[in-house]
Amino acid sequence: MRSLLGFLVLVALLVGVFAFAVLPLAGPGLVSAVIRGTPPLAGQNVAVSARVDADALRHGRISQIDVAGASVGSDAARATGLTLSIDGLSVIDRSFANLDASAASVVISQPDGTFVELEDVSVLGSSEALDAVGQIPAAEVMRLLTARLAAAGTPVDAVRLDPGFIVVTVAGKEVPSRLSIVGNSVVLTPAGGLPPVTVSAGVVEPWQLIGLDVGPAGITVHAGLSGARLG
């Protein structure tokens, strides 16, 4: 969860930076080529299109840039089924009217060598505020929590997700536990006096975690960003 949607936003930022650099001087064909050659897109099979409207450019705006790729990533993260669209980019203040990004799944590598996979990831909003949502499937939650608890010295027999809380089985005893957001970290607090365990040590700044909705199918993670600018 630490890098939730940071990968998609990074793509958006890179698209914005290069668009601002070349669009006042070039047409959509060159713009698309430059974006396609920009890390983390360079060398990957992606489709890029740009709509450059002369009237919009006279007012300092870029109409639209679209990016799509079956598998796009870097060492830190890889997204499958990625689509990204940015509308109404301002060359003057780097604001944007709309950003719409989604991926069927995103695999995030953690600093400790572990990884977490999210499904149905999306980023929506404008430069005023962006909202990000991703789903961690139940099987992935169970795997991640089992590893985190074992590393913290609390090996568990089983993990079950119920509406609103998580049940961990320790030495044959079921212990209801709750996830909470502490700063930008995610902490699992078991009942019965067992010590809390940090599941994730934060999200990519300046994103802020907003909510963690636990259900039998998994955990829906919500994050937000206010006052976003490209570049």
C-alpha atoms as a PDB file:
ATOM      1  CA  MET A   1       0.000   0.000   0.000  1.00  0.00           C
ATOM      2  CA  ARG A   2       3.003   2.304   0.435  1.00  0.00           C
ATOM      3  CA  SER A   3       3.155   3.148  -3.268  1.00  0.00           C
ATOM      4  CA  LEU A   4      -0.536   3.012  -4.008  1.00  0.00           C
ATOM      5  CA  LEU A   5      -1.081   4.755  -7.325  1.00  0.00           C
ATOM      6  CA  GLY A   6       2.227   6.546  -7.133  1.00  0.00           C
ATOM      7  CA  PHE A   7       3.193   4.719 -10.307  1.00  0.00           C
ATOM      8  CA  LEU A   8       0.192   5.997 -12.259  1.00  0.00           C
ATOM      9  CA  VAL A   9       0.701   9.522 -11.011  1.00  0.00           C
ATOM     10  CA  LEU A  10       4.389   9.355 -11.985  1.00  0.00           C
ATOM     11  CA  VAL A  11       3.359   8.530 -15.537  1.00  0.00           C
ATOM     12  CA  ALA A  12       0.996  11.494 -15.495  1.00  0.00           C
ATOM     13  CA  LEU A  13       3.720  13.818 -14.237  1.00  0.00           C
ATOM     14  CA  LEU A  14       6.175  12.733 -16.907  1.00  0.00           C
ATOM     15  CA  VAL A  15       3.592  13.175 -19.626  1.00  0.00           C
ATOM     16  CA  GLY A  16       2.924  16.671 -18.324  1.00  0.00           C
ATOM     17  CA  VAL A  17       6.566  17.717 -18.158  1.00  0.00           C
ATOM     18  CA  PHE A  18       7.362  16.706 -21.710  1.00  0.00           C
ATOM     19  CA  ALA A  19       4.106  18.032 -23.082  1.00  0.00           C
ATOM     20  CA  PHE A  20       4.831  21.467 -21.644  1.00  0.00           C
ATOM     21  CA  ALA A  21       8.330  21.394 -23.100  1.00  0.00           C
ATOM     22  CA  VAL A  22       7.439  20.576 -26.712  1.00  0.00           C
ATOM     23  CA  LEU A  23       3.793  21.330 -27.379  1.00  0.00           C
ATOM     24  CA  PRO A  24       4.148  25.040 -28.027  1.00  0.00           C
ATOM     25  CA  LEU A  25       6.607  24.176 -30.808  1.00  0.00           C
ATOM     26  CA  ALA A  26       5.393  20.872 -32.203  1.00  0.00           C
ATOM     27  CA  GLY A  27       2.397  19.010 -33.520  1.00  0.00           C
ATOM     28  CA  PRO A  28       0.742  15.907 -32.044  1.00  0.00           C
ATOM     29  CA  GLY A  29       2.953  13.433 -33.899  1.00  0.00           C
ATOM     30  CA  LEU A  30       6.172  14.705 -32.350  1.00  0.00           C
ATOM     31  CA  VAL A  31       4.540  15.092 -28.957  1.00  0.00           C
ATOM     32  CA  SER A  32       3.438  11.447 -28.996  1.00  0.00           C
ATOM     33  CA  ALA A  33       6.929  10.303 -30.027  1.00  0.00           C
ATOM     34  CA  VAL A  34       8.615  12.263 -27.231  1.00  0.00           C
ATOM     35  CA  ILE A  35       6.237  10.935 -24.584  1.00  0.00           C
ATOM     36  CA  ARG A  36       6.638   7.374 -25.853  1.00  0.00           C
ATOM     37  CA  GLY A  37      10.416   7.683 -25.432  1.00  0.00           C
ATOM     38  CA  THR A  38      10.231   9.049 -21.884  1.00  0.00           C
ATOM     39  CA  PRO A  39      10.930   6.855 -18.836  1.00  0.00           C
ATOM     40  CA  PRO A  40       9.128   4.843 -17.572  1.00  0.00           C
ATOM     41  CA  LEU A  41       7.464   4.465 -20.985  1.00  0.00           C
ATOM     42  CA  ALA A  42      10.706   4.217 -23.009  1.00  0.00           C
ATOM     43  CA  GLY A  43      11.246   0.808 -24.588  1.00  0.00           C
ATOM     44  CA  GLN A  44       7.773  -0.408 -23.662  1.00  0.00           C
ATOM     45  CA  ASN A  45       4.835  -1.255 -25.865  1.00  0.00           C
ATOM     46  CA  VAL A  46       2.550   1.728 -25.307  1.00  0.00           C
ATOM     47  CA  ALA A  47       0.151   3.683 -27.483  1.00  0.00           C
ATOM     48  CA  VAL A  48       0.303   7.477 -27.129  1.00  0.00           C
ATOM     49  CA  SER A  49      -1.923  10.046 -28.788  1.00  0.00           C
ATOM     50  CA  ALA A  50      -2.153  13.810 -28.392  1.00  0.00           C
ATOM     51  CA  ARG A  51      -4.792  16.324 -29.445  1.00  0.00           C
ATOM     52  CA  VAL A  52      -3.314  19.732 -30.083  1.00  0.00           C
ATOM     53  CA  ASP A  53      -5.925  22.417 -30.704  1.00  0.00           C
ATOM     54  CA  ALA A  54      -4.567  25.695 -32.085  1.00  0.00           C
ATOM     55  CA  ASP A  55      -7.193  27.824 -30.366  1.00  0.00           C
ATOM     56  CA  ALA A  56      -6.559  26.120 -27.008  1.00  0.00           C
ATOM     57  CA  LEU A  57      -2.810  26.637 -27.401  1.00  0.00           C
ATOM     58  CA  ARG A  58      -3.361  30.359 -27.941  1.00  0.00           C
ATOM     59  CA  HIS A  59      -4.953  30.374 -24.484  1.00  0.00           C
ATOM     60  CA  GLY A  60      -2.076  28.383 -22.997  1.00  0.00           C
ATOM     61  CA  ARG A  61      -3.878  25.022 -22.897  1.00  0.00           C
ATOM     62  CA  ILE A  62      -3.226  21.553 -24.310  1.00  0.00           C
ATOM     63  CA  SER A  63      -6.400  19.731 -25.195  1.00  0.00           C
ATOM     64  CA  GLN A  64      -5.682  16.057 -24.408  1.00  0.00           C
ATOM     65  CA  ILE A  65      -3.014  13.360 -24.079  1.00  0.00           C
ATOM     66  CA  ASP A  66      -3.864   9.630 -23.917  1.00  0.00           C
ATOM     67  CA  VAL A  67      -1.553   6.758 -22.960  1.00  0.00           C
ATOM     68  CA  ALA A  68      -2.365   3.023 -23.002  1.00  0.00           C
ATOM     69  CA  GLY A  69      -0.264  -0.076 -22.414  1.00  0.00           C
ATOM     70  CA  ALA A  70      -0.868  -3.763 -21.741  1.00  0.00           C
ATOM     71  CA  SER A  71       2.081  -3.896 -19.327  1.00  0.00           C
ATOM     72  CA  VAL A  72       3.952  -0.778 -18.231  1.00  0.00           C
ATOM     73  CA  GLY A  73       6.381  -0.523 -15.355  1.00  0.00           C
ATOM     74  CA  SER A  74       9.738   0.014 -13.724  1.00  0.00           C
ATOM     75  CA  ASP A  75      11.778  -1.712 -11.021  1.00  0.00           C
ATOM     76  CA  ALA A  76       9.416  -0.408  -8.330  1.00  0.00           C
ATOM     77  CA  ALA A  77       6.032  -1.113  -9.899  1.00  0.00           C
ATOM     78  CA  ARG A  78       4.302  -2.633 -12.907  1.00  0.00           C
ATOM     79  CA  ALA A  79       0.767  -2.007 -14.126  1.00  0.00           C
ATOM     80  CA  THR A  80      -1.258  -4.177 -16.479  1.00  0.00           C
ATOM     81  CA  GLY A  81      -4.074  -2.803 -18.594  1.00  0.00           C
ATOM     82  CA  LEU A  82      -2.969   0.809 -18.059  1.00  0.00           C
ATOM     83  CA  THR A  83      -4.959   3.701 -19.525  1.00  0.00           C
ATOM     84  CA  LEU A  84      -4.271   7.361 -18.803  1.00  0.00           C
ATOM     85  CA  SER A  85      -5.963  10.513 -20.082  1.00  0.00           C
ATOM     86  CA  ILE A  86      -5.147  14.128 -19.190  1.00  0.00           C
ATOM     87  CA  ASP A  87      -7.365  16.958 -20.444  1.00  0.00           C
ATOM     88  CA  GLY A  88      -7.001  20.726 -20.369  1.00  0.00           C
ATOM     89  CA  LEU A  89      -3.321  21.033 -19.453  1.00  0.00           C
ATOM     90  CA  SER A  90      -2.274  24.613 -18.718  1.00  0.00           C
ATOM     91  CA  VAL A  91       1.177  25.603 -20.022  1.00  0.00           C
ATOM     92  CA  ILE A  92       1.080  28.630 -17.715  1.00  0.00           C
ATOM     93  CA  ASP A  93       0.409  27.206 -14.243  1.00  0.00           C
ATOM     94  CA  ARG A  94       0.598  23.433 -14.979  1.00  0.00           C
ATOM     95  CA  SER A  95      -2.926  22.807 -13.770  1.00  0.00           C
ATOM     96  CA  PHE A  96      -5.238  20.375 -15.561  1.00  0.00           C
ATOM     97  CA  ALA A  97      -8.976  20.113 -15.967  1.00  0.00           C
ATOM     98  CA  ASN A  98      -9.218  16.333 -15.709  1.00  0.00           C
ATOM     99  CA  LEU A  99      -7.045  13.291 -15.092  1.00  0.00           C
ATOM    100  CA  ASP A 100      -8.435   9.785 -15.532  1.00  0.00           C
ATOM    101  CA  ALA A 101      -6.071   6.836 -15.022  1.00  0.00           C
ATOM    102  CA  SER A 102      -6.800   3.172 -14.398  1.00  0.00           C
ATOM    103  CA  ALA A 103      -5.087  -0.207 -14.361  1.00  0.00           C
ATOM    104  CA  ALA A 104      -6.407  -3.741 -14.089  1.00  0.00           C
ATOM    105  CA  SER A 105      -3.652  -4.499 -11.591  1.00  0.00           C
ATOM    106  CA  VAL A 106      -0.545  -2.881 -10.124  1.00  0.00           C
ATOM    107  CA  VAL A 107       2.273  -4.844  -8.459  1.00  0.00           C
ATOM    108  CA  ILE A 108       4.308  -2.690  -6.060  1.00  0.00           C
ATOM    109  CA  SER A 109       7.768  -3.709  -4.830  1.00  0.00           C
ATOM    110  CA  GLN A 110       8.367  -2.776  -1.191  1.00  0.00           C
ATOM    111  CA  PRO A 111      11.723  -1.537   0.212  1.00  0.00           C
ATOM    112  CA  ASP A 112      12.086  -4.722   2.289  1.00  0.00           C
ATOM    113  CA  GLY A 113      11.937  -6.922  -0.823  1.00  0.00           C
ATOM    114  CA  THR A 114       8.295  -7.930  -0.475  1.00  0.00           C
ATOM    115  CA  PHE A 115       5.533  -6.901  -2.856  1.00  0.00           C
ATOM    116  CA  VAL A 116       1.820  -6.172  -2.842  1.00  0.00           C
ATOM    117  CA  GLU A 117      -0.664  -6.455  -5.695  1.00  0.00           C
ATOM    118  CA  LEU A 118      -3.681  -4.201  -6.141  1.00  0.00           C
ATOM    119  CA  GLU A 119      -6.551  -4.650  -8.569  1.00  0.00           C
ATOM    120  CA  ASP A 120      -8.965  -2.201 -10.222  1.00  0.00           C
ATOM    121  CA  VAL A 121      -6.723   0.778  -9.528  1.00  0.00           C
ATOM    122  CA  SER A 122      -7.986   4.210 -10.560  1.00  0.00           C
ATOM    123  CA  VAL A 123      -7.042   7.882 -10.224  1.00  0.00           C
ATOM    124  CA  LEU A 124      -9.698  10.508 -10.958  1.00  0.00           C
ATOM    125  CA  GLY A 125      -9.975  14.254 -10.547  1.00  0.00           C
ATOM    126  CA  SER A 126      -8.492  17.610 -11.479  1.00  0.00           C
ATOM    127  CA  SER A 127      -5.642  19.787 -10.277  1.00  0.00           C
ATOM    128  CA  GLU A 128      -7.893  20.883  -7.410  1.00  0.00           C
ATOM    129  CA  ALA A 129      -8.065  17.343  -5.995  1.00  0.00           C
ATOM    130  CA  LEU A 130      -7.261  13.791  -7.075  1.00  0.00           C
ATOM    131  CA  ASP A 131      -8.900  10.663  -5.648  1.00  0.00           C
ATOM    132  CA  ALA A 132      -7.242   7.255  -5.845  1.00  0.00           C
ATOM    133  CA  VAL A 133      -8.824   3.863  -5.188  1.00  0.00           C
ATOM    134  CA  GLY A 134      -7.386   0.357  -5.319  1.00  0.00           C
ATOM    135  CA  GLN A 135      -8.515  -3.085  -4.182  1.00  0.00           C
ATOM    136  CA  ILE A 136      -6.211  -5.542  -2.414  1.00  0.00           C
ATOM    137  CA  PRO A 137      -7.806  -8.998  -2.904  1.00  0.00           C
ATOM    138  CA  ALA A 138      -8.432 -11.152   0.163  1.00  0.00           C
ATOM    139  CA  ALA A 139      -5.780 -13.722  -0.768  1.00  0.00           C
ATOM    140  CA  GLU A 140      -3.197 -10.950  -1.134  1.00  0.00           C
ATOM    141  CA  VAL A 141      -4.189  -9.432   2.226  1.00  0.00           C
ATOM    142  CA  MET A 142      -3.847 -12.818   3.918  1.00  0.00           C
ATOM    143  CA  ARG A 143      -0.413 -13.377   2.378  1.00  0.00           C
ATOM    144  CA  LEU A 144       0.821  -9.910   3.292  1.00  0.00           C
ATOM    145  CA  LEU A 145      -0.488  -9.953   6.875  1.00  0.00           C
ATOM    146  CA  THR A 146       0.848 -13.460   7.535  1.00  0.00           C
ATOM    147  CA  ALA A 147       4.324 -12.327   6.461  1.00  0.00           C
ATOM    148  CA  ARG A 148       4.163  -9.054   8.424  1.00  0.00           C
ATOM    149  CA  LEU A 149       2.950 -10.714  11.631  1.00  0.00           C
ATOM    150  CA  ALA A 150       5.563 -13.477  11.407  1.00  0.00           C
ATOM    151  CA  ALA A 151       8.313 -10.855  10.942  1.00  0.00           C
ATOM    152  CA  ALA A 152       6.972  -9.041  14.038  1.00  0.00           C
ATOM    153  CA  GLY A 153       7.240 -12.212  16.110  1.00  0.00           C
ATOM    154  CA  THR A 154       3.559 -13.162  16.017  1.00  0.00           C
ATOM    155  CA  PRO A 155       3.133 -16.163  13.704  1.00  0.00           C
ATOM    156  CA  VAL A 156      -0.502 -16.829  12.841  1.00  0.00           C
ATOM    157  CA  ASP A 157      -2.347 -19.991  11.887  1.00  0.00           C
ATOM    158  CA  ALA A 158      -4.888 -18.236   9.662  1.00  0.00           C
ATOM    159  CA  VAL A 159      -6.216 -14.847   8.576  1.00  0.00           C
ATOM    160  CA  ARG A 160      -9.875 -14.133   7.777  1.00  0.00           C
ATOM    161  CA  LEU A 161     -11.497 -10.942   6.548  1.00  0.00           C
ATOM    162  CA  ASP A 162     -14.890  -9.978   7.958  1.00  0.00           C
ATOM    163  CA  PRO A 163     -16.859  -6.774   7.316  1.00  0.00           C
ATOM    164  CA  GLY A 164     -14.984  -3.978   9.088  1.00  0.00           C
ATOM    165  CA  PHE A 165     -12.271  -6.065  10.765  1.00  0.00           C
ATOM    166  CA  ILE A 166      -9.744  -8.857  10.356  1.00  0.00           C
ATOM    167  CA  VAL A 167      -9.618 -12.086  12.391  1.00  0.00           C
ATOM    168  CA  VAL A 168      -6.186 -13.620  12.961  1.00  0.00           C
ATOM    169  CA  THR A 169      -5.818 -17.060  14.519  1.00  0.00           C
ATOM    170  CA  VAL A 170      -2.895 -17.219  16.962  1.00  0.00           C
ATOM    171  CA  ALA A 171      -2.102 -20.536  18.697  1.00  0.00           C
ATOM    172  CA  GLY A 172      -5.569 -21.797  17.820  1.00  0.00           C
ATOM    173  CA  LYS A 173      -7.366 -18.729  19.202  1.00  0.00           C
ATOM    174  CA  GLU A 174      -9.237 -16.274  16.980  1.00  0.00           C
ATOM    175  CA  VAL A 175      -8.274 -12.657  17.658  1.00  0.00           C
ATOM    176  CA  PRO A 176     -10.353  -9.857  16.093  1.00  0.00           C
ATOM    177  CA  SER A 177      -8.114  -7.053  14.826  1.00  0.00           C
ATOM    178  CA  ARG A 178      -8.636  -3.653  13.237  1.00  0.00           C
ATOM    179  CA  LEU A 179      -6.714  -1.704  10.651  1.00  0.00           C
ATOM    180  CA  SER A 180      -6.122   1.967  11.318  1.00  0.00           C
ATOM    181  CA  ILE A 181      -4.299   4.847   9.662  1.00  0.00           C
ATOM    182  CA  VAL A 182      -1.618   6.375  11.866  1.00  0.00           C
ATOM    183  CA  GLY A 183      -0.089   9.305  10.031  1.00  0.00           C
ATOM    184  CA  ASN A 184       0.600   7.810   6.626  1.00  0.00           C
ATOM    185  CA  SER A 185       1.159   4.310   7.979  1.00  0.00           C
ATOM    186  CA  VAL A 186      -1.226   1.351   8.227  1.00  0.00           C
ATOM    187  CA  VAL A 187      -1.312  -0.407  11.602  1.00  0.00           C
ATOM    188  CA  LEU A 188      -3.034  -3.674  12.574  1.00  0.00           C
ATOM    189  CA  THR A 189      -4.144  -3.651  16.226  1.00  0.00           C
ATOM    190  CA  PRO A 190      -5.224  -7.054  17.611  1.00  0.00           C
ATOM    191  CA  ALA A 191      -7.535  -7.345  20.600  1.00  0.00           C
ATOM    192  CA  GLY A 192      -6.474  -9.036  23.839  1.00  0.00           C
ATOM    193  CA  GLY A 193      -3.367  -6.992  24.502  1.00  0.00           C
ATOM    194  CA  LEU A 194      -1.297  -8.264  21.579  1.00  0.00           C
ATOM    195  CA  PRO A 195       1.116  -5.603  20.252  1.00  0.00           C
ATOM    196  CA  PRO A 196       0.105  -3.599  17.154  1.00  0.00           C
ATOM    197  CA  VAL A 197       1.927  -4.341  13.910  1.00  0.00           C
ATOM    198  CA  THR A 198       2.816  -1.807  11.210  1.00  0.00           C
ATOM    199  CA  VAL A 199       1.586  -3.294   7.946  1.00  0.00           C
ATOM    200  CA  SER A 200       2.790  -0.454   5.725  1.00  0.00           C
ATOM    201  CA  ALA A 201       5.186   2.364   6.545  1.00  0.00           C
ATOM    202  CA  GLY A 202       3.447   5.078   4.526  1.00  0.00           C
ATOM    203  CA  VAL A 203       2.307   6.177   1.088  1.00  0.00           C
ATOM    204  CA  VAL A 204       4.142   8.225  -1.488  1.00  0.00           C
ATOM    205  CA  GLU A 205       4.018  11.878  -0.465  1.00  0.00           C
ATOM    206  CA  PRO A 206       2.140  14.134  -1.000  1.00  0.00           C
ATOM    207  CA  TRP A 207      -0.628  11.498  -1.206  1.00  0.00           C
ATOM    208  CA  GLN A 208      -2.583  10.936   2.009  1.00  0.00           C
ATOM    209  CA  LEU A 209      -4.428   7.801   3.040  1.00  0.00           C
ATOM    210  CA  ILE A 210      -8.128   8.521   3.529  1.00  0.00           C
ATOM    211  CA  GLY A 211      -9.723   5.169   4.285  1.00  0.00           C
ATOM    212  CA  LEU A 212      -9.335   1.385   4.453  1.00  0.00           C
ATOM    213  CA  ASP A 213     -12.566  -0.548   3.915  1.00  0.00           C
ATOM    214  CA  VAL A 214     -12.220  -4.179   5.003  1.00  0.00           C
ATOM    215  CA  GLY A 215     -14.609  -6.793   3.615  1.00  0.00           C
ATOM    216  CA  PRO A 216     -14.607 -10.512   2.814  1.00  0.00           C
ATOM    217  CA  ALA A 217     -13.408  -9.802  -0.745  1.00  0.00           C
ATOM    218  CA  GLY A 218     -10.416  -7.736   0.364  1.00  0.00           C
ATOM    219  CA  ILE A 219      -9.445  -4.204   1.374  1.00  0.00           C
ATOM    220  CA  THR A 220     -10.427  -1.126  -0.613  1.00  0.00           C
ATOM    221  CA  VAL A 221      -7.788   1.560  -0.178  1.00  0.00           C
ATOM    222  CA  HIS A 222      -8.657   5.259  -0.646  1.00  0.00           C
ATOM    223  CA  ALA A 223      -6.060   8.022  -1.005  1.00  0.00           C
ATOM    224  CA  GLY A 224      -6.266  11.705  -1.904  1.00  0.00           C
ATOM    225  CA  LEU A 225      -4.127  14.570  -3.143  1.00  0.00           C
ATOM    226  CA  SER A 226      -5.059  18.274  -3.071  1.00  0.00           C
ATOM    227  CA  GLY A 227      -3.559  21.052  -5.163  1.00  0.00           C
ATOM    228  CA  ALA A 228      -1.945  18.784  -7.749  1.00  0.00           C
ATOM    229  CA  ARG A 229       0.202  20.251 -10.528  1.00  0.00           C
ATOM    230  CA  LEU A 230       1.937  18.471 -13.393  1.00  0.00           C
ATOM    231  CA  GLY A 231       5.693  18.762 -13.597  1.00  0.00           C
END
